[in-house]
PDB file of N, CA and C in Angstrom:
ATOM      1  N   MET A   1     113.819 115.327  95.369  1.00  0.00           N
ATOM      2  CA  MET A   1     113.833 115.934  96.529  1.00  0.00           C
ATOM      3  C   MET A   1     112.919 117.057  96.592  1.00  0.00           C
ATOM      4  N   GLU A   2     112.521 117.906  95.308  1.00  0.00           N
ATOM      5  CA  GLU A   2     112.252 118.925  95.242  1.00  0.00           C
ATOM      6  C   GLU A   2     110.627 118.925  95.815  1.00  0.00           C
ATOM      7  N   ILE A   3     110.205 117.936  94.704  1.00  0.00           N
ATOM      8  CA  ILE A   3     108.602 117.300  95.387  1.00  0.00           C
ATOM      9  C   ILE A   3     108.509 116.898  96.750  1.00  0.00           C
ATOM     10  N   VAL A   4     109.324 116.283  97.343  1.00  0.00           N
ATOM     11  CA  VAL A   4     109.104 116.177  98.778  1.00  0.00           C
ATOM     12  C   VAL A   4     109.295 117.637 100.241  1.00  0.00           C
ATOM     13  N   HIS A   5     110.638 118.111  99.329  1.00  0.00           N
ATOM     14  CA  HIS A   5     110.280 119.563  99.814  1.00  0.00           C
ATOM     15  C   HIS A   5     109.567 120.277  99.778  1.00  0.00           C
ATOM     16  N   GLY A   6     108.296 120.462  99.046  1.00  0.00           N
ATOM     17  CA  GLY A   6     107.343 121.406  99.049  1.00  0.00           C
ATOM     18  C   GLY A   6     106.004 120.578  99.276  1.00  0.00           C
ATOM     19  N   VAL A   7     105.747 119.785  99.323  1.00  0.00           N
ATOM     20  CA  VAL A   7     104.833 118.762 100.038  1.00  0.00           C
ATOM     21  C   VAL A   7     105.107 119.020 101.800  1.00  0.00           C
ATOM     22  N   LEU A   8     106.395 119.024 102.282  1.00  0.00           N
ATOM     23  CA  LEU A   8     106.469 119.440 103.280  1.00  0.00           C
ATOM     24  C   LEU A   8     106.377 120.721 103.691  1.00  0.00           C
ATOM     25  N   LEU A   9     106.716 121.788 102.782  1.00  0.00           N
ATOM     26  CA  LEU A   9     106.266 123.249 103.124  1.00  0.00           C
ATOM     27  C   LEU A   9     104.783 123.167 102.923  1.00  0.00           C
ATOM     28  N   VAL A  10     104.364 123.026 102.541  1.00  0.00           N
ATOM     29  CA  VAL A  10     102.445 122.819 102.389  1.00  0.00           C
ATOM     30  C   VAL A  10     101.960 122.272 103.564  1.00  0.00           C
ATOM     31  N   LEU A  11     102.537 120.814 104.299  1.00  0.00           N
ATOM     32  CA  LEU A  11     102.263 120.932 105.186  1.00  0.00           C
ATOM     33  C   LEU A  11     103.108 121.499 106.824  1.00  0.00           C
ATOM     34  N   HIS A  12     103.964 121.836 106.113  1.00  0.00           N
ATOM     35  CA  HIS A  12     104.404 123.059 107.697  1.00  0.00           C
ATOM     36  C   HIS A  12     103.581 124.193 107.593  1.00  0.00           C
ATOM     37  N   LEU A  13     103.386 125.003 106.522  1.00  0.00           N
ATOM     38  CA  LEU A  13     102.388 126.223 106.431  1.00  0.00           C
ATOM     39  C   LEU A  13     100.794 125.447 107.352  1.00  0.00           C
ATOM     40  N   ILE A  14     100.726 124.638 106.564  1.00  0.00           N
ATOM     41  CA  ILE A  14      98.681 124.014 107.029  1.00  0.00           C
ATOM     42  C   ILE A  14      99.333 123.932 108.416  1.00  0.00           C
ATOM     43  N   GLY A  15     100.340 123.361 109.323  1.00  0.00           N
ATOM     44  CA  GLY A  15     100.112 123.036 111.053  1.00  0.00           C
ATOM     45  C   GLY A  15     100.173 124.974 111.351  1.00  0.00           C
ATOM     46  N   TRP A  16     100.971 125.796 110.559  1.00  0.00           N
ATOM     47  CA  TRP A  16     100.562 127.070 111.264  1.00  0.00           C
ATOM     48  C   TRP A  16      99.666 127.417 111.180  1.00  0.00           C
ATOM     49  N   ALA A  17      98.547 127.478 109.632  1.00  0.00           N
ATOM     50  CA  ALA A  17      97.644 128.000 109.938  1.00  0.00           C
ATOM     51  C   ALA A  17      96.479 127.718 110.816  1.00  0.00           C
ATOM     52  N   LEU A  18      96.813 126.133 111.642  1.00  0.00           N
ATOM     53  CA  LEU A  18      95.783 125.217 112.108  1.00  0.00           C
ATOM     54  C   LEU A  18      95.957 126.483 113.673  1.00  0.00           C
ATOM     55  N   VAL A  19      96.969 126.372 113.507  1.00  0.00           N
ATOM     56  CA  VAL A  19      97.742 126.741 114.622  1.00  0.00           C
ATOM     57  C   VAL A  19      96.748 128.428 115.216  1.00  0.00           C
ATOM     58  N   LEU A  20      97.538 128.868 114.004  1.00  0.00           N
ATOM     59  CA  LEU A  20      96.674 130.641 114.200  1.00  0.00           C
ATOM     60  C   LEU A  20      95.258 130.623 114.157  1.00  0.00           C
ATOM     61  N   GLY A  21      94.641 129.765 113.153  1.00  0.00           N
ATOM     62  CA  GLY A  21      93.447 129.804 113.217  1.00  0.00           C
ATOM     63  C   GLY A  21      92.529 129.464 113.929  1.00  0.00           C
ATOM     64  N   GLY A  22      93.161 128.291 114.693  1.00  0.00           N
ATOM     65  CA  GLY A  22      92.243 127.928 115.630  1.00  0.00           C
ATOM     66  C   GLY A  22      92.194 128.629 117.078  1.00  0.00           C
ATOM     67  N   VAL A  23      93.797 129.951 117.328  1.00  0.00           N
ATOM     68  CA  VAL A  23      93.345 130.178 118.333  1.00  0.00           C
ATOM     69  C   VAL A  23      92.609 131.524 118.294  1.00  0.00           C
ATOM     70  N   VAL A  24      92.815 132.182 117.137  1.00  0.00           N
ATOM     71  CA  VAL A  24      91.983 133.129 116.724  1.00  0.00           C
ATOM     72  C   VAL A  24      89.997 133.168 116.612  1.00  0.00           C
ATOM     73  N   THR A  25      89.788 131.975 116.690  1.00  0.00           N
ATOM     74  CA  THR A  25      88.563 131.782 116.563  1.00  0.00           C
ATOM     75  C   THR A  25      88.076 131.344 118.163  1.00  0.00           C
ATOM     76  N   ARG A  26      88.599 131.235 118.689  1.00  0.00           N
ATOM     77  CA  ARG A  26      88.216 130.744 119.886  1.00  0.00           C
ATOM     78  C   ARG A  26      88.399 132.338 121.075  1.00  0.00           C
ATOM     79  N   MET A  27      88.762 133.520 120.527  1.00  0.00           N
ATOM     80  CA  MET A  27      88.822 134.753 121.319  1.00  0.00           C
ATOM     81  C   MET A  27      88.149 135.057 122.370  1.00  0.00           C
ATOM     82  N   ARG A  28      87.099 134.785 122.079  1.00  0.00           N
ATOM     83  CA  ARG A  28      85.941 135.183 122.379  1.00  0.00           C
ATOM     84  C   ARG A  28      84.973 134.570 123.243  1.00  0.00           C
ATOM     85  N   LYS A  29      85.018 133.259 123.565  1.00  0.00           N
ATOM     86  CA  LYS A  29      85.384 131.571 124.281  1.00  0.00           C
ATOM     87  C   LYS A  29      86.629 130.840 124.615  1.00  0.00           C
ATOM     88  N   PRO A  30      87.238 131.560 125.310  1.00  0.00           N
ATOM     89  CA  PRO A  30      88.981 131.064 125.317  1.00  0.00           C
ATOM     90  C   PRO A  30      89.039 129.514 125.691  1.00  0.00           C
ATOM     91  N   GLU A  31      89.319 129.375 124.841  1.00  0.00           N
ATOM     92  CA  GLU A  31      89.692 127.813 124.987  1.00  0.00           C
ATOM     93  C   GLU A  31      90.923 127.617 124.131  1.00  0.00           C
ATOM     94  N   ILE A  32      91.097 126.443 124.482  1.00  0.00           N
ATOM     95  CA  ILE A  32      92.350 125.747 123.194  1.00  0.00           C
ATOM     96  C   ILE A  32      91.666 124.860 122.476  1.00  0.00           C
ATOM     97  N   ASN A  33      91.409 124.789 121.384  1.00  0.00           N
ATOM     98  CA  ASN A  33      90.834 123.691 119.880  1.00  0.00           C
ATOM     99  C   ASN A  33      91.374 122.793 119.945  1.00  0.00           C
ATOM    100  N   PRO A  34      90.762 121.710 119.996  1.00  0.00           N
ATOM    101  CA  PRO A  34      91.580 120.519 119.672  1.00  0.00           C
ATOM    102  C   PRO A  34      92.945 120.148 118.813  1.00  0.00           C
ATOM    103  N   GLY A  35      92.394 120.897 117.507  1.00  0.00           N
ATOM    104  CA  GLY A  35      93.177 121.207 116.555  1.00  0.00           C
ATOM    105  C   GLY A  35      94.295 122.038 116.382  1.00  0.00           C
ATOM    106  N   VAL A  36      94.181 122.720 117.548  1.00  0.00           N
ATOM    107  CA  VAL A  36      95.568 123.470 117.842  1.00  0.00           C
ATOM    108  C   VAL A  36      96.556 122.586 117.850  1.00  0.00           C
ATOM    109  N   TRP A  37      96.390 121.719 118.451  1.00  0.00           N
ATOM    110  CA  TRP A  37      97.699 121.093 119.387  1.00  0.00           C
ATOM    111  C   TRP A  37      98.044 120.324 117.978  1.00  0.00           C
ATOM    112  N   HIS A  38      97.153 119.638 117.438  1.00  0.00           N
ATOM    113  CA  HIS A  38      97.754 118.479 116.096  1.00  0.00           C
ATOM    114  C   HIS A  38      98.122 119.969 114.896  1.00  0.00           C
ATOM    115  N   GLY A  39      98.164 120.847 115.243  1.00  0.00           N
ATOM    116  CA  GLY A  39      98.931 122.345 113.930  1.00  0.00           C
ATOM    117  C   GLY A  39     100.082 122.288 114.434  1.00  0.00           C
ATOM    118  N   ILE A  40     100.182 121.983 115.725  1.00  0.00           N
ATOM    119  CA  ILE A  40     101.715 122.722 116.229  1.00  0.00           C
ATOM    120  C   ILE A  40     102.332 121.292 115.929  1.00  0.00           C
ATOM    121  N   LEU A  41     102.035 119.811 116.389  1.00  0.00           N
ATOM    122  CA  LEU A  41     102.670 118.712 115.976  1.00  0.00           C
ATOM    123  C   LEU A  41     102.889 118.761 114.505  1.00  0.00           C
ATOM    124  N   THR A  42     101.917 118.871 113.648  1.00  0.00           N
ATOM    125  CA  THR A  42     102.570 119.224 112.396  1.00  0.00           C
ATOM    126  C   THR A  42     103.552 120.113 112.110  1.00  0.00           C
ATOM    127  N   ALA A  43     103.531 121.187 112.677  1.00  0.00           N
ATOM    128  CA  ALA A  43     104.560 122.483 112.053  1.00  0.00           C
ATOM    129  C   ALA A  43     105.766 121.823 112.275  1.00  0.00           C
ATOM    130  N   LEU A  44     105.914 121.434 114.205  1.00  0.00           N
ATOM    131  CA  LEU A  44     107.060 120.560 114.536  1.00  0.00           C
ATOM    132  C   LEU A  44     107.335 119.810 113.498  1.00  0.00           C
ATOM    133  N   VAL A  45     107.039 118.784 113.181  1.00  0.00           N
ATOM    134  CA  VAL A  45     107.797 117.362 112.541  1.00  0.00           C
ATOM    135  C   VAL A  45     107.718 118.016 111.470  1.00  0.00           C
ATOM    136  N   THR A  46     106.892 118.858 110.721  1.00  0.00           N
ATOM    137  CA  THR A  46     107.446 118.928 108.909  1.00  0.00           C
ATOM    138  C   THR A  46     108.591 119.982 109.189  1.00  0.00           C
ATOM    139  N   GLY A  47     109.038 120.705 110.062  1.00  0.00           N
ATOM    140  CA  GLY A  47     109.622 121.806 110.244  1.00  0.00           C
ATOM    141  C   GLY A  47     111.302 121.017 110.047  1.00  0.00           C
ATOM    142  N   ILE A  48     111.101 120.091 110.914  1.00  0.00           N
ATOM    143  CA  ILE A  48     112.404 119.306 111.383  1.00  0.00           C
ATOM    144  C   ILE A  48     112.962 118.692 109.894  1.00  0.00           C
ATOM    145  N   LEU A  49     111.952 117.702 109.413  1.00  0.00           N
ATOM    146  CA  LEU A  49     111.913 117.344 108.119  1.00  0.00           C
ATOM    147  C   LEU A  49     112.199 118.267 107.480  1.00  0.00           C
ATOM    148  N   LEU A  50     111.768 119.058 107.308  1.00  0.00           N
ATOM    149  CA  LEU A  50     112.394 120.269 105.999  1.00  0.00           C
ATOM    150  C   LEU A  50     113.565 120.311 106.540  1.00  0.00           C
ATOM    151  N   VAL A  51     114.287 121.321 107.454  1.00  0.00           N
ATOM    152  CA  VAL A  51     115.719 121.141 107.874  1.00  0.00           C
ATOM    153  C   VAL A  51     116.657 119.634 107.190  1.00  0.00           C
ATOM    154  N   GLY A  52     115.781 118.833 107.507  1.00  0.00           N
ATOM    155  CA  GLY A  52     116.915 117.477 107.257  1.00  0.00           C
ATOM    156  C   GLY A  52     116.589 117.660 105.849  1.00  0.00           C
ATOM    157  N   VAL A  53     115.590 117.362 105.056  1.00  0.00           N
ATOM    158  CA  VAL A  53     116.166 117.762 103.217  1.00  0.00           C
ATOM    159  C   VAL A  53     116.717 119.134 103.223  1.00  0.00           C
ATOM    160  N   LEU A  54     117.060 119.724 103.678  1.00  0.00           N
ATOM    161  CA  LEU A  54     117.763 120.892 102.673  1.00  0.00           C
ATOM    162  C   LEU A  54     118.990 120.481 103.402  1.00  0.00           C
ATOM    163  N   GLU A  55     119.169 119.913 104.075  1.00  0.00           N
ATOM    164  CA  GLU A  55     120.785 119.339 104.806  1.00  0.00           C
ATOM    165  C   GLU A  55     121.100 118.440 103.904  1.00  0.00           C
ATOM    166  N   MET A  56     120.422 117.276 103.649  1.00  0.00           N
ATOM    167  CA  MET A  56     120.700 116.391 102.374  1.00  0.00           C
ATOM    168  C   MET A  56     121.277 116.917 101.047  1.00  0.00           C
ATOM    169  N   GLY A  57     120.243 118.036 100.705  1.00  0.00           N
ATOM    170  CA  GLY A  57     120.524 118.546  99.462  1.00  0.00           C
ATOM    171  C   GLY A  57     121.324 119.260  98.954  1.00  0.00           C
ATOM    172  N   ASP A  58     121.178 120.598  98.071  1.00  0.00           N
ATOM    173  CA  ASP A  58     122.593 121.525  97.968  1.00  0.00           C
ATOM    174  C   ASP A  58     122.185 122.760  98.639  1.00  0.00           C
ATOM    175  N   GLY A  59     120.932 122.669  99.666  1.00  0.00           N
ATOM    176  CA  GLY A  59     120.520 124.243  99.978  1.00  0.00           C
ATOM    177  C   GLY A  59     121.604 124.601 101.447  1.00  0.00           C
ATOM    178  N   GLU A  60     121.158 126.170 101.168  1.00  0.00           N
ATOM    179  CA  GLU A  60     121.899 126.369 102.468  1.00  0.00           C
ATOM    180  C   GLU A  60     120.994 126.515 103.449  1.00  0.00           C
ATOM    181  N   VAL A  61     121.852 126.544 104.744  1.00  0.00           N
ATOM    182  CA  VAL A  61     120.594 126.039 106.046  1.00  0.00           C
ATOM    183  C   VAL A  61     121.502 127.093 106.820  1.00  0.00           C
ATOM    184  N   ASN A  62     120.205 128.188 107.217  1.00  0.00           N
ATOM    185  CA  ASN A  62     121.353 129.447 108.437  1.00  0.00           C
ATOM    186  C   ASN A  62     120.351 128.097 110.021  1.00  0.00           C
ATOM    187  N   ASN A  63     121.729 127.765 110.516  1.00  0.00           N
ATOM    188  CA  ASN A  63     121.142 126.911 111.920  1.00  0.00           C
ATOM    189  C   ASN A  63     120.797 128.218 112.904  1.00  0.00           C
ATOM    190  N   ILE A  64     121.376 129.264 113.191  1.00  0.00           N
ATOM    191  CA  ILE A  64     120.770 130.290 113.636  1.00  0.00           C
ATOM    192  C   ILE A  64     119.275 130.557 113.789  1.00  0.00           C
ATOM    193  N   LYS A  65     118.857 130.781 112.464  1.00  0.00           N
ATOM    194  CA  LYS A  65     117.798 130.989 111.983  1.00  0.00           C
ATOM    195  C   LYS A  65     116.664 130.364 112.547  1.00  0.00           C
ATOM    196  N   ILE A  66     117.452 128.642 112.216  1.00  0.00           N
ATOM    197  CA  ILE A  66     115.898 127.472 112.322  1.00  0.00           C
ATOM    198  C   ILE A  66     116.062 127.234 113.605  1.00  0.00           C
ATOM    199  N   GLY A  67     117.375 127.249 114.598  1.00  0.00           N
ATOM    200  CA  GLY A  67     117.434 127.433 116.483  1.00  0.00           C
ATOM    201  C   GLY A  67     116.285 128.965 116.740  1.00  0.00           C
ATOM    202  N   VAL A  68     116.090 129.543 116.122  1.00  0.00           N
ATOM    203  CA  VAL A  68     115.203 130.278 116.939  1.00  0.00           C
ATOM    204  C   VAL A  68     114.264 130.108 116.637  1.00  0.00           C
ATOM    205  N   LYS A  69     114.033 129.832 115.513  1.00  0.00           N
ATOM    206  CA  LYS A  69     112.250 129.679 115.048  1.00  0.00           C
ATOM    207  C   LYS A  69     112.445 128.062 115.593  1.00  0.00           C
ATOM    208  N   LEU A  70     112.998 127.001 116.165  1.00  0.00           N
ATOM    209  CA  LEU A  70     112.299 126.304 116.885  1.00  0.00           C
ATOM    210  C   LEU A  70     112.496 126.168 118.062  1.00  0.00           C
ATOM    211  N   VAL A  71     113.126 127.169 119.098  1.00  0.00           N
ATOM    212  CA  VAL A  71     112.489 128.153 120.549  1.00  0.00           C
ATOM    213  C   VAL A  71     111.415 128.354 120.208  1.00  0.00           C
ATOM    214  N   VAL A  72     110.931 129.436 119.599  1.00  0.00           N
ATOM    215  CA  VAL A  72     109.574 129.741 119.658  1.00  0.00           C
ATOM    216  C   VAL A  72     108.768 128.776 119.068  1.00  0.00           C
ATOM    217  N   ALA A  73     108.566 127.515 118.536  1.00  0.00           N
ATOM    218  CA  ALA A  73     107.601 126.748 118.338  1.00  0.00           C
ATOM    219  C   ALA A  73     107.766 125.798 119.504  1.00  0.00           C
ATOM    220  N   LEU A  74     108.299 125.474 120.286  1.00  0.00           N
ATOM    221  CA  LEU A  74     108.553 124.786 121.140  1.00  0.00           C
ATOM    222  C   LEU A  74     108.013 125.688 122.284  1.00  0.00           C
ATOM    223  N   VAL A  75     108.049 126.737 122.432  1.00  0.00           N
ATOM    224  CA  VAL A  75     107.017 127.313 123.018  1.00  0.00           C
ATOM    225  C   VAL A  75     105.999 127.678 123.302  1.00  0.00           C
ATOM    226  N   VAL A  76     105.387 128.089 121.827  1.00  0.00           N
ATOM    227  CA  VAL A  76     103.803 127.690 121.512  1.00  0.00           C
ATOM    228  C   VAL A  76     103.472 126.327 121.694  1.00  0.00           C
ATOM    229  N   GLY A  77     103.931 125.512 121.328  1.00  0.00           N
ATOM    230  CA  GLY A  77     103.928 123.817 121.750  1.00  0.00           C
ATOM    231  C   GLY A  77     103.741 123.874 123.508  1.00  0.00           C
ATOM    232  N   VAL A  78     104.335 124.391 124.068  1.00  0.00           N
ATOM    233  CA  VAL A  78     104.317 124.099 125.861  1.00  0.00           C
ATOM    234  C   VAL A  78     103.395 124.573 125.591  1.00  0.00           C
ATOM    235  N   LEU A  79     103.114 126.386 125.648  1.00  0.00           N
ATOM    236  CA  LEU A  79     101.796 126.737 125.677  1.00  0.00           C
ATOM    237  C   LEU A  79     100.140 126.058 125.414  1.00  0.00           C
ATOM    238  N   VAL A  80     100.577 125.614 123.700  1.00  0.00           N
ATOM    239  CA  VAL A  80      99.206 124.790 124.090  1.00  0.00           C
ATOM    240  C   VAL A  80      98.613 123.901 124.577  1.00  0.00           C
ATOM    241  N   TRP A  81     100.120 122.962 125.138  1.00  0.00           N
ATOM    242  CA  TRP A  81     100.294 121.619 125.536  1.00  0.00           C
ATOM    243  C   TRP A  81      99.106 121.869 127.529  1.00  0.00           C
ATOM    244  N   ARG A  82     100.247 122.890 127.683  1.00  0.00           N
ATOM    245  CA  ARG A  82      99.289 123.371 128.447  1.00  0.00           C
ATOM    246  C   ARG A  82      98.030 123.859 128.636  1.00  0.00           C
ATOM    247  N   GLY A  83      97.774 124.489 127.669  1.00  0.00           N
ATOM    248  CA  GLY A  83      96.731 125.378 127.968  1.00  0.00           C
ATOM    249  C   GLY A  83      95.145 124.649 127.478  1.00  0.00           C
ATOM    250  N   ARG A  84      95.834 123.621 126.924  1.00  0.00           N
ATOM    251  CA  ARG A  84      94.406 122.399 126.553  1.00  0.00           C
ATOM    252  C   ARG A  84      94.184 121.264 127.750  1.00  0.00           C
ATOM    253  N   LYS A  85      94.781 121.263 128.756  1.00  0.00           N
ATOM    254  CA  LYS A  85      94.797 120.810 130.244  1.00  0.00           C
ATOM    255  C   LYS A  85      93.522 121.946 130.926  1.00  0.00           C
ATOM    256  N   HIS A  86      93.356 122.691 130.338  1.00  0.00           N
ATOM    257  CA  HIS A  86      91.703 123.803 131.272  1.00  0.00           C
ATOM    258  C   HIS A  86      91.451 123.974 130.483  1.00  0.00           C
ATOM    259  N   GLU A  87      90.229 123.916 131.361  1.00  0.00           N
ATOM    260  CA  GLU A  87      88.843 124.293 130.841  1.00  0.00           C
ATOM    261  C   GLU A  87      88.775 125.385 129.852  1.00  0.00           C
ATOM    262  N   SER A  88      89.471 126.253 130.395  1.00  0.00           N
ATOM    263  CA  SER A  88      89.325 127.885 129.568  1.00  0.00           C
ATOM    264  C   SER A  88      90.782 128.571 130.113  1.00  0.00           C
ATOM    265  N   VAL A  89      90.948 129.321 128.555  1.00  0.00           N
ATOM    266  CA  VAL A  89      92.056 130.314 129.279  1.00  0.00           C
ATOM    267  C   VAL A  89      91.792 131.369 129.030  1.00  0.00           C
ATOM    268  N   THR A  90      92.731 132.311 129.274  1.00  0.00           N
ATOM    269  CA  THR A  90      92.503 133.883 129.553  1.00  0.00           C
ATOM    270  C   THR A  90      92.859 134.381 127.668  1.00  0.00           C
ATOM    271  N   THR A  91      92.007 135.114 127.095  1.00  0.00           N
ATOM    272  CA  THR A  91      92.236 135.835 126.078  1.00  0.00           C
ATOM    273  C   THR A  91      93.862 136.159 125.825  1.00  0.00           C
ATOM    274  N   GLY A  92      94.575 136.479 127.180  1.00  0.00           N
ATOM    275  CA  GLY A  92      95.957 136.721 126.493  1.00  0.00           C
ATOM    276  C   GLY A  92      96.875 135.819 126.760  1.00  0.00           C
ATOM    277  N   TYR A  93      96.223 134.321 127.006  1.00  0.00           N
ATOM    278  CA  TYR A  93      96.970 133.553 126.678  1.00  0.00           C
ATOM    279  C   TYR A  93      97.497 133.034 125.296  1.00  0.00           C
ATOM    280  N   LEU A  94      95.763 132.982 125.262  1.00  0.00           N
ATOM    281  CA  LEU A  94      95.392 132.871 123.372  1.00  0.00           C
ATOM    282  C   LEU A  94      96.380 133.822 122.502  1.00  0.00           C
ATOM    283  N   GLY A  95      96.003 135.467 122.762  1.00  0.00           N
ATOM    284  CA  GLY A  95      96.905 135.988 122.529  1.00  0.00           C
ATOM    285  C   GLY A  95      98.963 136.043 122.451  1.00  0.00           C
ATOM    286  N   ALA A  96      98.938 135.470 123.379  1.00  0.00           N
ATOM    287  CA  ALA A  96     100.132 135.057 123.647  1.00  0.00           C
ATOM    288  C   ALA A  96     100.397 134.192 122.338  1.00  0.00           C
ATOM    289  N   ILE A  97     100.268 133.144 122.442  1.00  0.00           N
ATOM    290  CA  ILE A  97     100.074 131.913 121.490  1.00  0.00           C
ATOM    291  C   ILE A  97     100.089 132.524 120.277  1.00  0.00           C
ATOM    292  N   ALA A  98      98.991 133.381 119.865  1.00  0.00           N
ATOM    293  CA  ALA A  98      98.653 133.933 117.947  1.00  0.00           C
ATOM    294  C   ALA A  98      99.833 134.680 117.706  1.00  0.00           C
ATOM    295  N   GLY A  99     100.495 135.623 118.961  1.00  0.00           N
ATOM    296  CA  GLY A  99     101.329 136.301 118.661  1.00  0.00           C
ATOM    297  C   GLY A  99     102.948 136.003 118.664  1.00  0.00           C
ATOM    298  N   LEU A 100     103.388 134.956 119.245  1.00  0.00           N
ATOM    299  CA  LEU A 100     104.126 133.917 118.939  1.00  0.00           C
ATOM    300  C   LEU A 100     104.017 133.277 117.598  1.00  0.00           C
ATOM    301  N   THR A 101     103.358 133.052 117.151  1.00  0.00           N
ATOM    302  CA  THR A 101     102.900 131.708 115.868  1.00  0.00           C
ATOM    303  C   THR A 101     102.860 132.917 114.901  1.00  0.00           C
ATOM    304  N   ILE A 102     102.910 134.524 114.790  1.00  0.00           N
ATOM    305  CA  ILE A 102     102.817 135.602 114.215  1.00  0.00           C
ATOM    306  C   ILE A 102     104.292 135.374 113.588  1.00  0.00           C
ATOM    307  N   LEU A 103     105.094 135.920 115.348  1.00  0.00           N
ATOM    308  CA  LEU A 103     106.618 136.426 115.356  1.00  0.00           C
ATOM    309  C   LEU A 103     107.368 134.745 114.672  1.00  0.00           C
ATOM    310  N   ASN A 104     106.995 133.745 114.359  1.00  0.00           N
ATOM    311  CA  ASN A 104     107.363 132.415 114.074  1.00  0.00           C
ATOM    312  C   ASN A 104     107.346 132.658 112.450  1.00  0.00           C
ATOM    313  N   ILE A 105     106.073 132.645 111.939  1.00  0.00           N
ATOM    314  CA  ILE A 105     105.971 133.265 110.712  1.00  0.00           C
ATOM    315  C   ILE A 105     106.931 134.178 109.592  1.00  0.00           C
ATOM    316  N   ALA A 106     107.244 135.290 110.782  1.00  0.00           N
ATOM    317  CA  ALA A 106     107.834 136.439 110.353  1.00  0.00           C
ATOM    318  C   ALA A 106     109.464 136.143 109.971  1.00  0.00           C
ATOM    319  N   LEU A 107     109.816 135.645 111.117  1.00  0.00           N
ATOM    320  CA  LEU A 107     110.932 135.342 111.348  1.00  0.00           C
ATOM    321  C   LEU A 107     111.289 134.611 109.912  1.00  0.00           C
ATOM    322  N   ALA A 108     110.484 133.882 109.677  1.00  0.00           N
ATOM    323  CA  ALA A 108     110.919 132.398 108.182  1.00  0.00           C
ATOM    324  C   ALA A 108     110.585 133.421 107.215  1.00  0.00           C
ATOM    325  N   VAL A 109     109.619 134.370 106.369  1.00  0.00           N
ATOM    326  CA  VAL A 109     109.700 135.359 105.638  1.00  0.00           C
ATOM    327  C   VAL A 109     110.673 136.514 105.598  1.00  0.00           C
ATOM    328  N   LEU A 110     111.250 137.219 106.786  1.00  0.00           N
ATOM    329  CA  LEU A 110     111.363 138.542 107.056  1.00  0.00           C
ATOM    330  C   LEU A 110     113.286 138.247 107.205  1.00  0.00           C
ATOM    331  N   TRP A 111     113.620 136.804 107.462  1.00  0.00           N
ATOM    332  CA  TRP A 111     114.952 137.074 107.991  1.00  0.00           C
ATOM    333  C   TRP A 111     115.699 136.083 106.913  1.00  0.00           C
ATOM    334  N   ARG A 112     116.751 136.537 106.383  1.00  0.00           N
ATOM    335  CA  ARG A 112     117.293 136.117 105.106  1.00  0.00           C
ATOM    336  C   ARG A 112     118.638 135.390 105.398  1.00  0.00           C
TER     337      ARG A 112
END
């Protein structure tokens, strides 16, 4: 189970890196990169699987923290989904996605 947890964690981090990197690189020409959509889907699916793996094992899961992180991830997902339907978006829109992504990462690291 430890290997599965490790692989899921790496994929989860790669998903969030795709979201943040894809948004930051498009700040000059504001649009949603298709890789951002794939990144948020990867982050959401692997995050849910990580919680399932932790629940099956002996790991402690802070359900309030997971709930807050899930809400933030869903908001990012909706923003990305809506933004990719438009040919261009504002830099503030991309900044909101980047800010919420950083918030989600900060919650994961700082909330113990």
